C-alpha atoms as a PDB file:
ATOM      1  CA  MET A   1      10.479  -5.590  -7.129  1.00  0.00           C
ATOM      2  CA  ALA A   2      11.629  -8.043  -9.970  1.00  0.00           C
ATOM      3  CA  SER A   3       9.972  -7.435 -13.295  1.00  0.00           C
ATOM      4  CA  ALA A   4      10.550 -10.960 -14.871  1.00  0.00           C
ATOM      5  CA  ALA A   5       7.665 -12.214 -16.875  1.00  0.00           C
ATOM      6  CA  THR A   6       5.854 -15.416 -16.710  1.00  0.00           C
ATOM      7  CA  THR A   7       3.894 -16.796 -19.648  1.00  0.00           C
ATOM      8  CA  ALA A   8       1.420 -19.374 -19.595  1.00  0.00           C
ATOM      9  CA  SER A   9      -1.261 -20.678 -22.159  1.00  0.00           C
ATOM     10  CA  VAL A  10      -5.033 -20.926 -20.739  1.00  0.00           C
ATOM     11  CA  PHE A  11      -7.566 -22.873 -22.737  1.00  0.00           C
ATOM     12  CA  VAL A  12     -11.192 -21.715 -22.052  1.00  0.00           C
ATOM     13  CA  ASP A  13     -14.250 -23.656 -23.611  1.00  0.00           C
ATOM     14  CA  TYR A  14     -17.365 -22.136 -22.942  1.00  0.00           C
ATOM     15  CA  ASP A  15     -20.804 -22.525 -24.929  1.00  0.00           C
ATOM     16  CA  ASP A  16     -18.909 -23.651 -28.001  1.00  0.00           C
ATOM     17  CA  ARG A  17     -16.580 -20.955 -27.953  1.00  0.00           C
ATOM     18  CA  ALA A  18     -13.119 -22.259 -27.388  1.00  0.00           C
ATOM     19  CA  ALA A  19     -10.060 -20.195 -27.211  1.00  0.00           C
ATOM     20  CA  THR A  20      -6.376 -20.471 -25.867  1.00  0.00           C
ATOM     21  CA  TYR A  21      -5.200 -17.082 -24.185  1.00  0.00           C
ATOM     22  CA  GLU A  22      -1.405 -16.521 -23.768  1.00  0.00           C
ATOM     23  CA  VAL A  23      -1.418 -14.715 -20.270  1.00  0.00           C
ATOM     24  CA  VAL A  24       1.764 -12.737 -19.262  1.00  0.00           C
ATOM     25  CA  TRP A  25       2.266 -11.621 -15.663  1.00  0.00           C
ATOM     26  CA  ALA A  26       5.198 -10.805 -13.137  1.00  0.00           C
ATOM     27  CA  PRO A  27       5.057 -13.046 -10.157  1.00  0.00           C
ATOM     28  CA  ALA A  28       6.616 -10.285  -8.142  1.00  0.00           C
ATOM     29  CA  LEU A  29       3.497  -8.215  -9.018  1.00  0.00           C
ATOM     30  CA  ILE A  30       1.220 -11.104  -7.996  1.00  0.00           C
ATOM     31  CA  GLU A  31       3.179 -11.386  -4.638  1.00  0.00           C
ATOM     32  CA  ALA A  32       3.044  -7.758  -4.061  1.00  0.00           C
ATOM     33  CA  LEU A  33      -0.764  -7.675  -4.750  1.00  0.00           C
ATOM     34  CA  ASP A  34      -1.411 -10.737  -2.225  1.00  0.00           C
ATOM     35  CA  GLY A  35       1.130  -8.696   0.087  1.00  0.00           C
ATOM     36  CA  LEU A  36      -1.215  -5.536   0.015  1.00  0.00           C
ATOM     37  CA  ARG A  37      -4.178  -7.777   0.667  1.00  0.00           C
ATOM     38  CA  ALA A  38      -2.590  -9.368   3.737  1.00  0.00           C
ATOM     39  CA  GLU A  39      -1.246  -6.081   5.241  1.00  0.00           C
ATOM     40  CA  PHE A  40      -4.298  -4.008   4.726  1.00  0.00           C
ATOM     41  CA  ALA A  41      -7.104  -6.979   5.100  1.00  0.00           C
ATOM     42  CA  LEU A  42      -8.284  -6.230   1.556  1.00  0.00           C
ATOM     43  CA  GLU A  43     -10.982  -8.266  -0.311  1.00  0.00           C
ATOM     44  CA  LEU A  44     -10.110  -9.232  -3.800  1.00  0.00           C
ATOM     45  CA  VAL A  45     -13.173  -8.984  -5.975  1.00  0.00           C
ATOM     46  CA  TRP A  46     -12.739 -10.195  -9.539  1.00  0.00           C
ATOM     47  CA  LEU A  47     -14.711  -8.383 -12.127  1.00  0.00           C
ATOM     48  CA  THR A  48     -13.854  -9.922 -15.415  1.00  0.00           C
ATOM     49  CA  THR A  49     -15.463 -12.110 -18.547  1.00  0.00           C
ATOM     50  CA  TRP A  50     -13.112 -14.708 -17.111  1.00  0.00           C
ATOM     51  CA  VAL A  51     -15.885 -15.560 -14.936  1.00  0.00           C
ATOM     52  CA  GLU A  52     -17.707 -17.514 -17.460  1.00  0.00           C
ATOM     53  CA  VAL A  53     -17.424 -21.259 -16.195  1.00  0.00           C
ATOM     54  CA  ASP A  54     -15.504 -19.970 -13.211  1.00  0.00           C
ATOM     55  CA  ALA A  55     -12.284 -19.634 -15.446  1.00  0.00           C
ATOM     56  CA  VAL A  56     -10.846 -17.195 -13.031  1.00  0.00           C
ATOM     57  CA  ARG A  57     -10.542 -19.733 -10.165  1.00  0.00           C
ATOM     58  CA  ARG A  58     -10.217 -22.794 -12.142  1.00  0.00           C
ATOM     59  CA  LEU A  59      -7.684 -21.654 -14.726  1.00  0.00           C
ATOM     60  CA  LEU A  60      -6.162 -18.291 -14.241  1.00  0.00           C
ATOM     61  CA  VAL A  61      -5.328 -18.442 -10.337  1.00  0.00           C
ATOM     62  CA  PRO A  62      -3.423 -21.813 -10.396  1.00  0.00           C
ATOM     63  CA  LYS A  63      -1.488 -20.539 -12.997  1.00  0.00           C
ATOM     64  CA  LEU A  64      -0.611 -16.993 -11.516  1.00  0.00           C
ATOM     65  CA  GLY A  65       0.183 -18.603  -8.110  1.00  0.00           C
ATOM     66  CA  GLY A  66      -1.581 -16.104  -6.175  1.00  0.00           C
ATOM     67  CA  LEU A  67      -4.628 -13.861  -6.131  1.00  0.00           C
ATOM     68  CA  ALA A  68      -6.826 -16.951  -4.745  1.00  0.00           C
ATOM     69  CA  ASN A  69      -9.976 -16.654  -2.904  1.00  0.00           C
ATOM     70  CA  GLY A  70     -11.555 -13.544  -4.315  1.00  0.00           C
ATOM     71  CA  ARG A  71     -15.213 -12.884  -4.590  1.00  0.00           C
ATOM     72  CA  ILE A  72     -16.506 -12.877  -8.428  1.00  0.00           C
ATOM     73  CA  LEU A  73     -19.065 -10.365  -9.287  1.00  0.00           C
ATOM     74  CA  PRO A  74     -21.134 -12.107 -12.013  1.00  0.00           C
ATOM     75  CA  LEU A  75     -21.598 -11.339 -15.827  1.00  0.00           C
ATOM     76  CA  PRO A  76     -24.988  -9.512 -16.366  1.00  0.00           C
ATOM     77  CA  PRO A  77     -27.418 -11.819 -17.833  1.00  0.00           C
ATOM     78  CA  GLY A  78     -28.407 -11.598 -21.521  1.00  0.00           C
ATOM     79  CA  PRO A  79     -27.185  -9.493 -24.301  1.00  0.00           C
ATOM     80  CA  ARG A  80     -25.770  -5.990 -23.946  1.00  0.00           C
ATOM     81  CA  SER A  81     -28.325  -3.170 -24.387  1.00  0.00           C
ATOM     82  CA  SER A  82     -27.943  -1.418 -27.749  1.00  0.00           C
ATOM     83  CA  GLY A  83     -27.330   2.109 -26.135  1.00  0.00           C
ATOM     84  CA  GLU A  84     -24.761   0.365 -23.619  1.00  0.00           C
ATOM     85  CA  ALA A  85     -21.028   1.681 -23.740  1.00  0.00           C
ATOM     86  CA  ARG A  86     -18.607  -1.172 -24.261  1.00  0.00           C
ATOM     87  CA  GLY A  87     -17.527  -2.583 -20.700  1.00  0.00           C
ATOM     88  CA  TRP A  88     -20.204  -0.343 -18.837  1.00  0.00           C
ATOM     89  CA  TRP A  89     -21.330  -3.656 -17.320  1.00  0.00           C
ATOM     90  CA  LYS A  90     -18.289  -3.761 -15.286  1.00  0.00           C
ATOM     91  CA  ALA A  91     -18.845  -0.120 -13.858  1.00  0.00           C
ATOM     92  CA  GLN A  92     -22.534  -1.206 -13.262  1.00  0.00           C
ATOM     93  CA  ARG A  93     -21.549  -4.211 -11.401  1.00  0.00           C
ATOM     94  CA  LEU A  94     -19.071  -2.173  -9.249  1.00  0.00           C
ATOM     95  CA  LEU A  95     -21.607   0.374  -8.375  1.00  0.00           C
ATOM     96  CA  GLU A  96     -24.156  -2.304  -7.678  1.00  0.00           C
ATOM     97  CA  ASP A  97     -21.542  -3.873  -5.235  1.00  0.00           C
ATOM     98  CA  GLN A  98     -20.830  -0.531  -3.622  1.00  0.00           C
ATOM     99  CA  ALA A  99     -24.546   0.126  -3.195  1.00  0.00           C
ATOM    100  CA  ALA A 100     -24.832  -3.140  -1.286  1.00  0.00           C
ATOM    101  CA  LYS A 101     -21.720  -2.816   0.822  1.00  0.00           C
ATOM    102  CA  ALA A 102     -20.144   0.758   0.369  1.00  0.00           C
ATOM    103  CA  GLY A 103     -16.399   1.025   1.319  1.00  0.00           C
ATOM    104  CA  PRO A 104     -13.063   2.137   0.142  1.00  0.00           C
ATOM    105  CA  PHE A 105     -12.047   0.246  -3.327  1.00  0.00           C
ATOM    106  CA  ILE A 106      -9.374   0.165  -5.917  1.00  0.00           C
ATOM    107  CA  TRP A 107     -10.425  -0.449  -9.333  1.00  0.00           C
ATOM    108  CA  THR A 108      -7.997  -1.533 -12.116  1.00  0.00           C
ATOM    109  CA  ASP A 109      -8.891  -2.537 -15.515  1.00  0.00           C
ATOM    110  CA  ASP A 110      -6.895  -1.947 -18.718  1.00  0.00           C
ATOM    111  CA  SER A 111      -9.807  -0.345 -20.514  1.00  0.00           C
ATOM    112  CA  GLU A 112     -12.991   0.397 -18.598  1.00  0.00           C
ATOM    113  CA  VAL A 113     -11.489   2.389 -15.881  1.00  0.00           C
ATOM    114  CA  GLU A 114     -10.457   4.915 -18.770  1.00  0.00           C
ATOM    115  CA  LEU A 115     -13.954   4.675 -20.251  1.00  0.00           C
ATOM    116  CA  HIS A 116     -16.245   4.798 -17.134  1.00  0.00           C
ATOM    117  CA  GLY A 117     -13.866   5.526 -14.081  1.00  0.00           C
ATOM    118  CA  TRP A 118     -15.360   9.029 -13.914  1.00  0.00           C
ATOM    119  CA  LYS A 119     -18.791   7.884 -13.901  1.00  0.00           C
ATOM    120  CA  VAL A 120     -17.958   5.523 -11.127  1.00  0.00           C
ATOM    121  CA  LEU A 121     -16.143   8.242  -9.023  1.00  0.00           C
ATOM    122  CA  GLY A 122     -19.211  10.341  -9.423  1.00  0.00           C
ATOM    123  CA  ALA A 123     -21.525   7.969  -8.297  1.00  0.00           C
ATOM    124  CA  THR A 124     -19.564   6.892  -5.417  1.00  0.00           C
ATOM    125  CA  ALA A 125     -18.533  10.633  -4.375  1.00  0.00           C
ATOM    126  CA  GLY A 126     -17.715  10.081  -0.538  1.00  0.00           C
ATOM    127  CA  THR A 127     -16.352   6.791  -0.794  1.00  0.00           C
ATOM    128  CA  PRO A 128     -12.439   6.788  -0.980  1.00  0.00           C
ATOM    129  CA  SER A 129     -11.567   4.966  -4.376  1.00  0.00           C
ATOM    130  CA  LEU A 130      -8.352   4.773  -6.436  1.00  0.00           C
ATOM    131  CA  MET A 131      -8.905   3.981 -10.020  1.00  0.00           C
ATOM    132  CA  ILE A 132      -5.874   2.507 -11.980  1.00  0.00           C
ATOM    133  CA  PRO A 133      -5.909   2.131 -15.861  1.00  0.00           C
ATOM    134  CA  PRO A 134      -2.990   0.002 -16.598  1.00  0.00           C
ATOM    135  CA  HIS A 135      -1.768  -0.082 -20.239  1.00  0.00           C
ATOM    136  CA  PRO A 136      -3.375  -2.873 -22.111  1.00  0.00           C
ATOM    137  CA  MET A 137      -0.160  -4.430 -23.257  1.00  0.00           C
ATOM    138  CA  VAL A 138       1.904  -3.917 -20.180  1.00  0.00           C
ATOM    139  CA  GLY A 139      -0.480  -4.449 -17.261  1.00  0.00           C
ATOM    140  CA  LEU A 140       0.140  -3.272 -13.687  1.00  0.00           C
ATOM    141  CA  ARG A 141       3.714  -2.097 -12.944  1.00  0.00           C
ATOM    142  CA  PRO A 142       5.487  -1.625  -9.804  1.00  0.00           C
ATOM    143  CA  ASP A 143       4.649   1.942  -9.664  1.00  0.00           C
ATOM    144  CA  ASP A 144       0.950   0.980  -9.635  1.00  0.00           C
ATOM    145  CA  ILE A 145       1.516  -1.186  -6.632  1.00  0.00           C
ATOM    146  CA  HIS A 146       3.523   1.685  -4.816  1.00  0.00           C
ATOM    147  CA  ALA A 147       0.632   4.010  -5.562  1.00  0.00           C
ATOM    148  CA  MET A 148      -1.938   1.562  -3.912  1.00  0.00           C
ATOM    149  CA  ARG A 149       0.254   1.304  -0.775  1.00  0.00           C
ATOM    150  CA  ALA A 150       0.620   5.211  -0.591  1.00  0.00           C
ATOM    151  CA  TRP A 151      -3.142   5.350  -0.953  1.00  0.00           C
ATOM    152  CA  LEU A 152      -3.975   2.876   1.424  1.00  0.00           C
ATOM    153  CA  ASN A 153      -1.586   4.166   4.223  1.00  0.00           C
ATOM    154  CA  ALA A 154      -3.174   7.599   3.553  1.00  0.00           C
ATOM    155  CA  LEU A 155      -6.731   6.173   4.118  1.00  0.00           C
ATOM    156  CA  LYS A 156      -5.125   4.549   7.533  1.00  0.00           C
ATOM    157  CA  SER A 157      -3.874   8.127   8.635  1.00  0.00           C
ATOM    158  CA  GLY A 158      -7.195   9.747   9.710  1.00  0.00           C
ATOM    159  CA  PRO A 159     -10.680  10.980   9.078  1.00  0.00           C
ATOM    160  CA  GLU A 160      -9.507  13.685   6.300  1.00  0.00           C
ATOM    161  CA  ALA A 161      -8.598  10.427   4.351  1.00  0.00           C
ATOM    162  CA  SER A 162     -12.326   9.826   3.662  1.00  0.00           C
ATOM    163  CA  THR A 163     -12.075  12.353   0.792  1.00  0.00           C
ATOM    164  CA  ILE A 164      -9.200  10.636  -0.938  1.00  0.00           C
ATOM    165  CA  SER A 165     -10.501   9.574  -4.416  1.00  0.00           C
ATOM    166  CA  GLY A 166      -8.916   9.885  -7.943  1.00  0.00           C
ATOM    167  CA  PHE A 167      -7.005   8.312 -10.908  1.00  0.00           C
ATOM    168  CA  GLN A 168      -3.670   7.120 -10.937  1.00  0.00           C
ATOM    169  CA  HIS A 169      -2.337   8.490 -14.386  1.00  0.00           C
ATOM    170  CA  ASP A 170       1.429   8.094 -15.437  1.00  0.00           C
ATOM    171  CA  ARG A 171       1.050   6.470 -18.692  1.00  0.00           C
END
């Protein structure tokens, strides 16, 4: 899998907060993720602050050239609770989604998996899951795609796969 990077500027204007983000990605990784989606009939679910003004679908996905047609979990309404840890809303949305329709899942996030992944694993015990915390300055790597593929293949292998859960740590 080639690791050549592509960069694009994405301008987001929401509630008088305008910003331009430099987004860097490896097209081969996007293709590999789309390949996993096709091969294993996976559902892509976006869990990101980029859901504001549908920036994921309107601005980010066209630049990436892949990862289209994903379902989006909404941001929670209102301000964050004073005692709520940073990023907890993502874990909470994931848990709500699992409560509505439990099923095997892979969660990748450059900060929230490290902070809240163990709580999610505990709350979804018995549901196969893989947590991948990519480095914030590097993102997903080919090794992460290989770990996803190996985990997905193990799930297909039989009933004992129902206990497969954990973290992919090699940072």
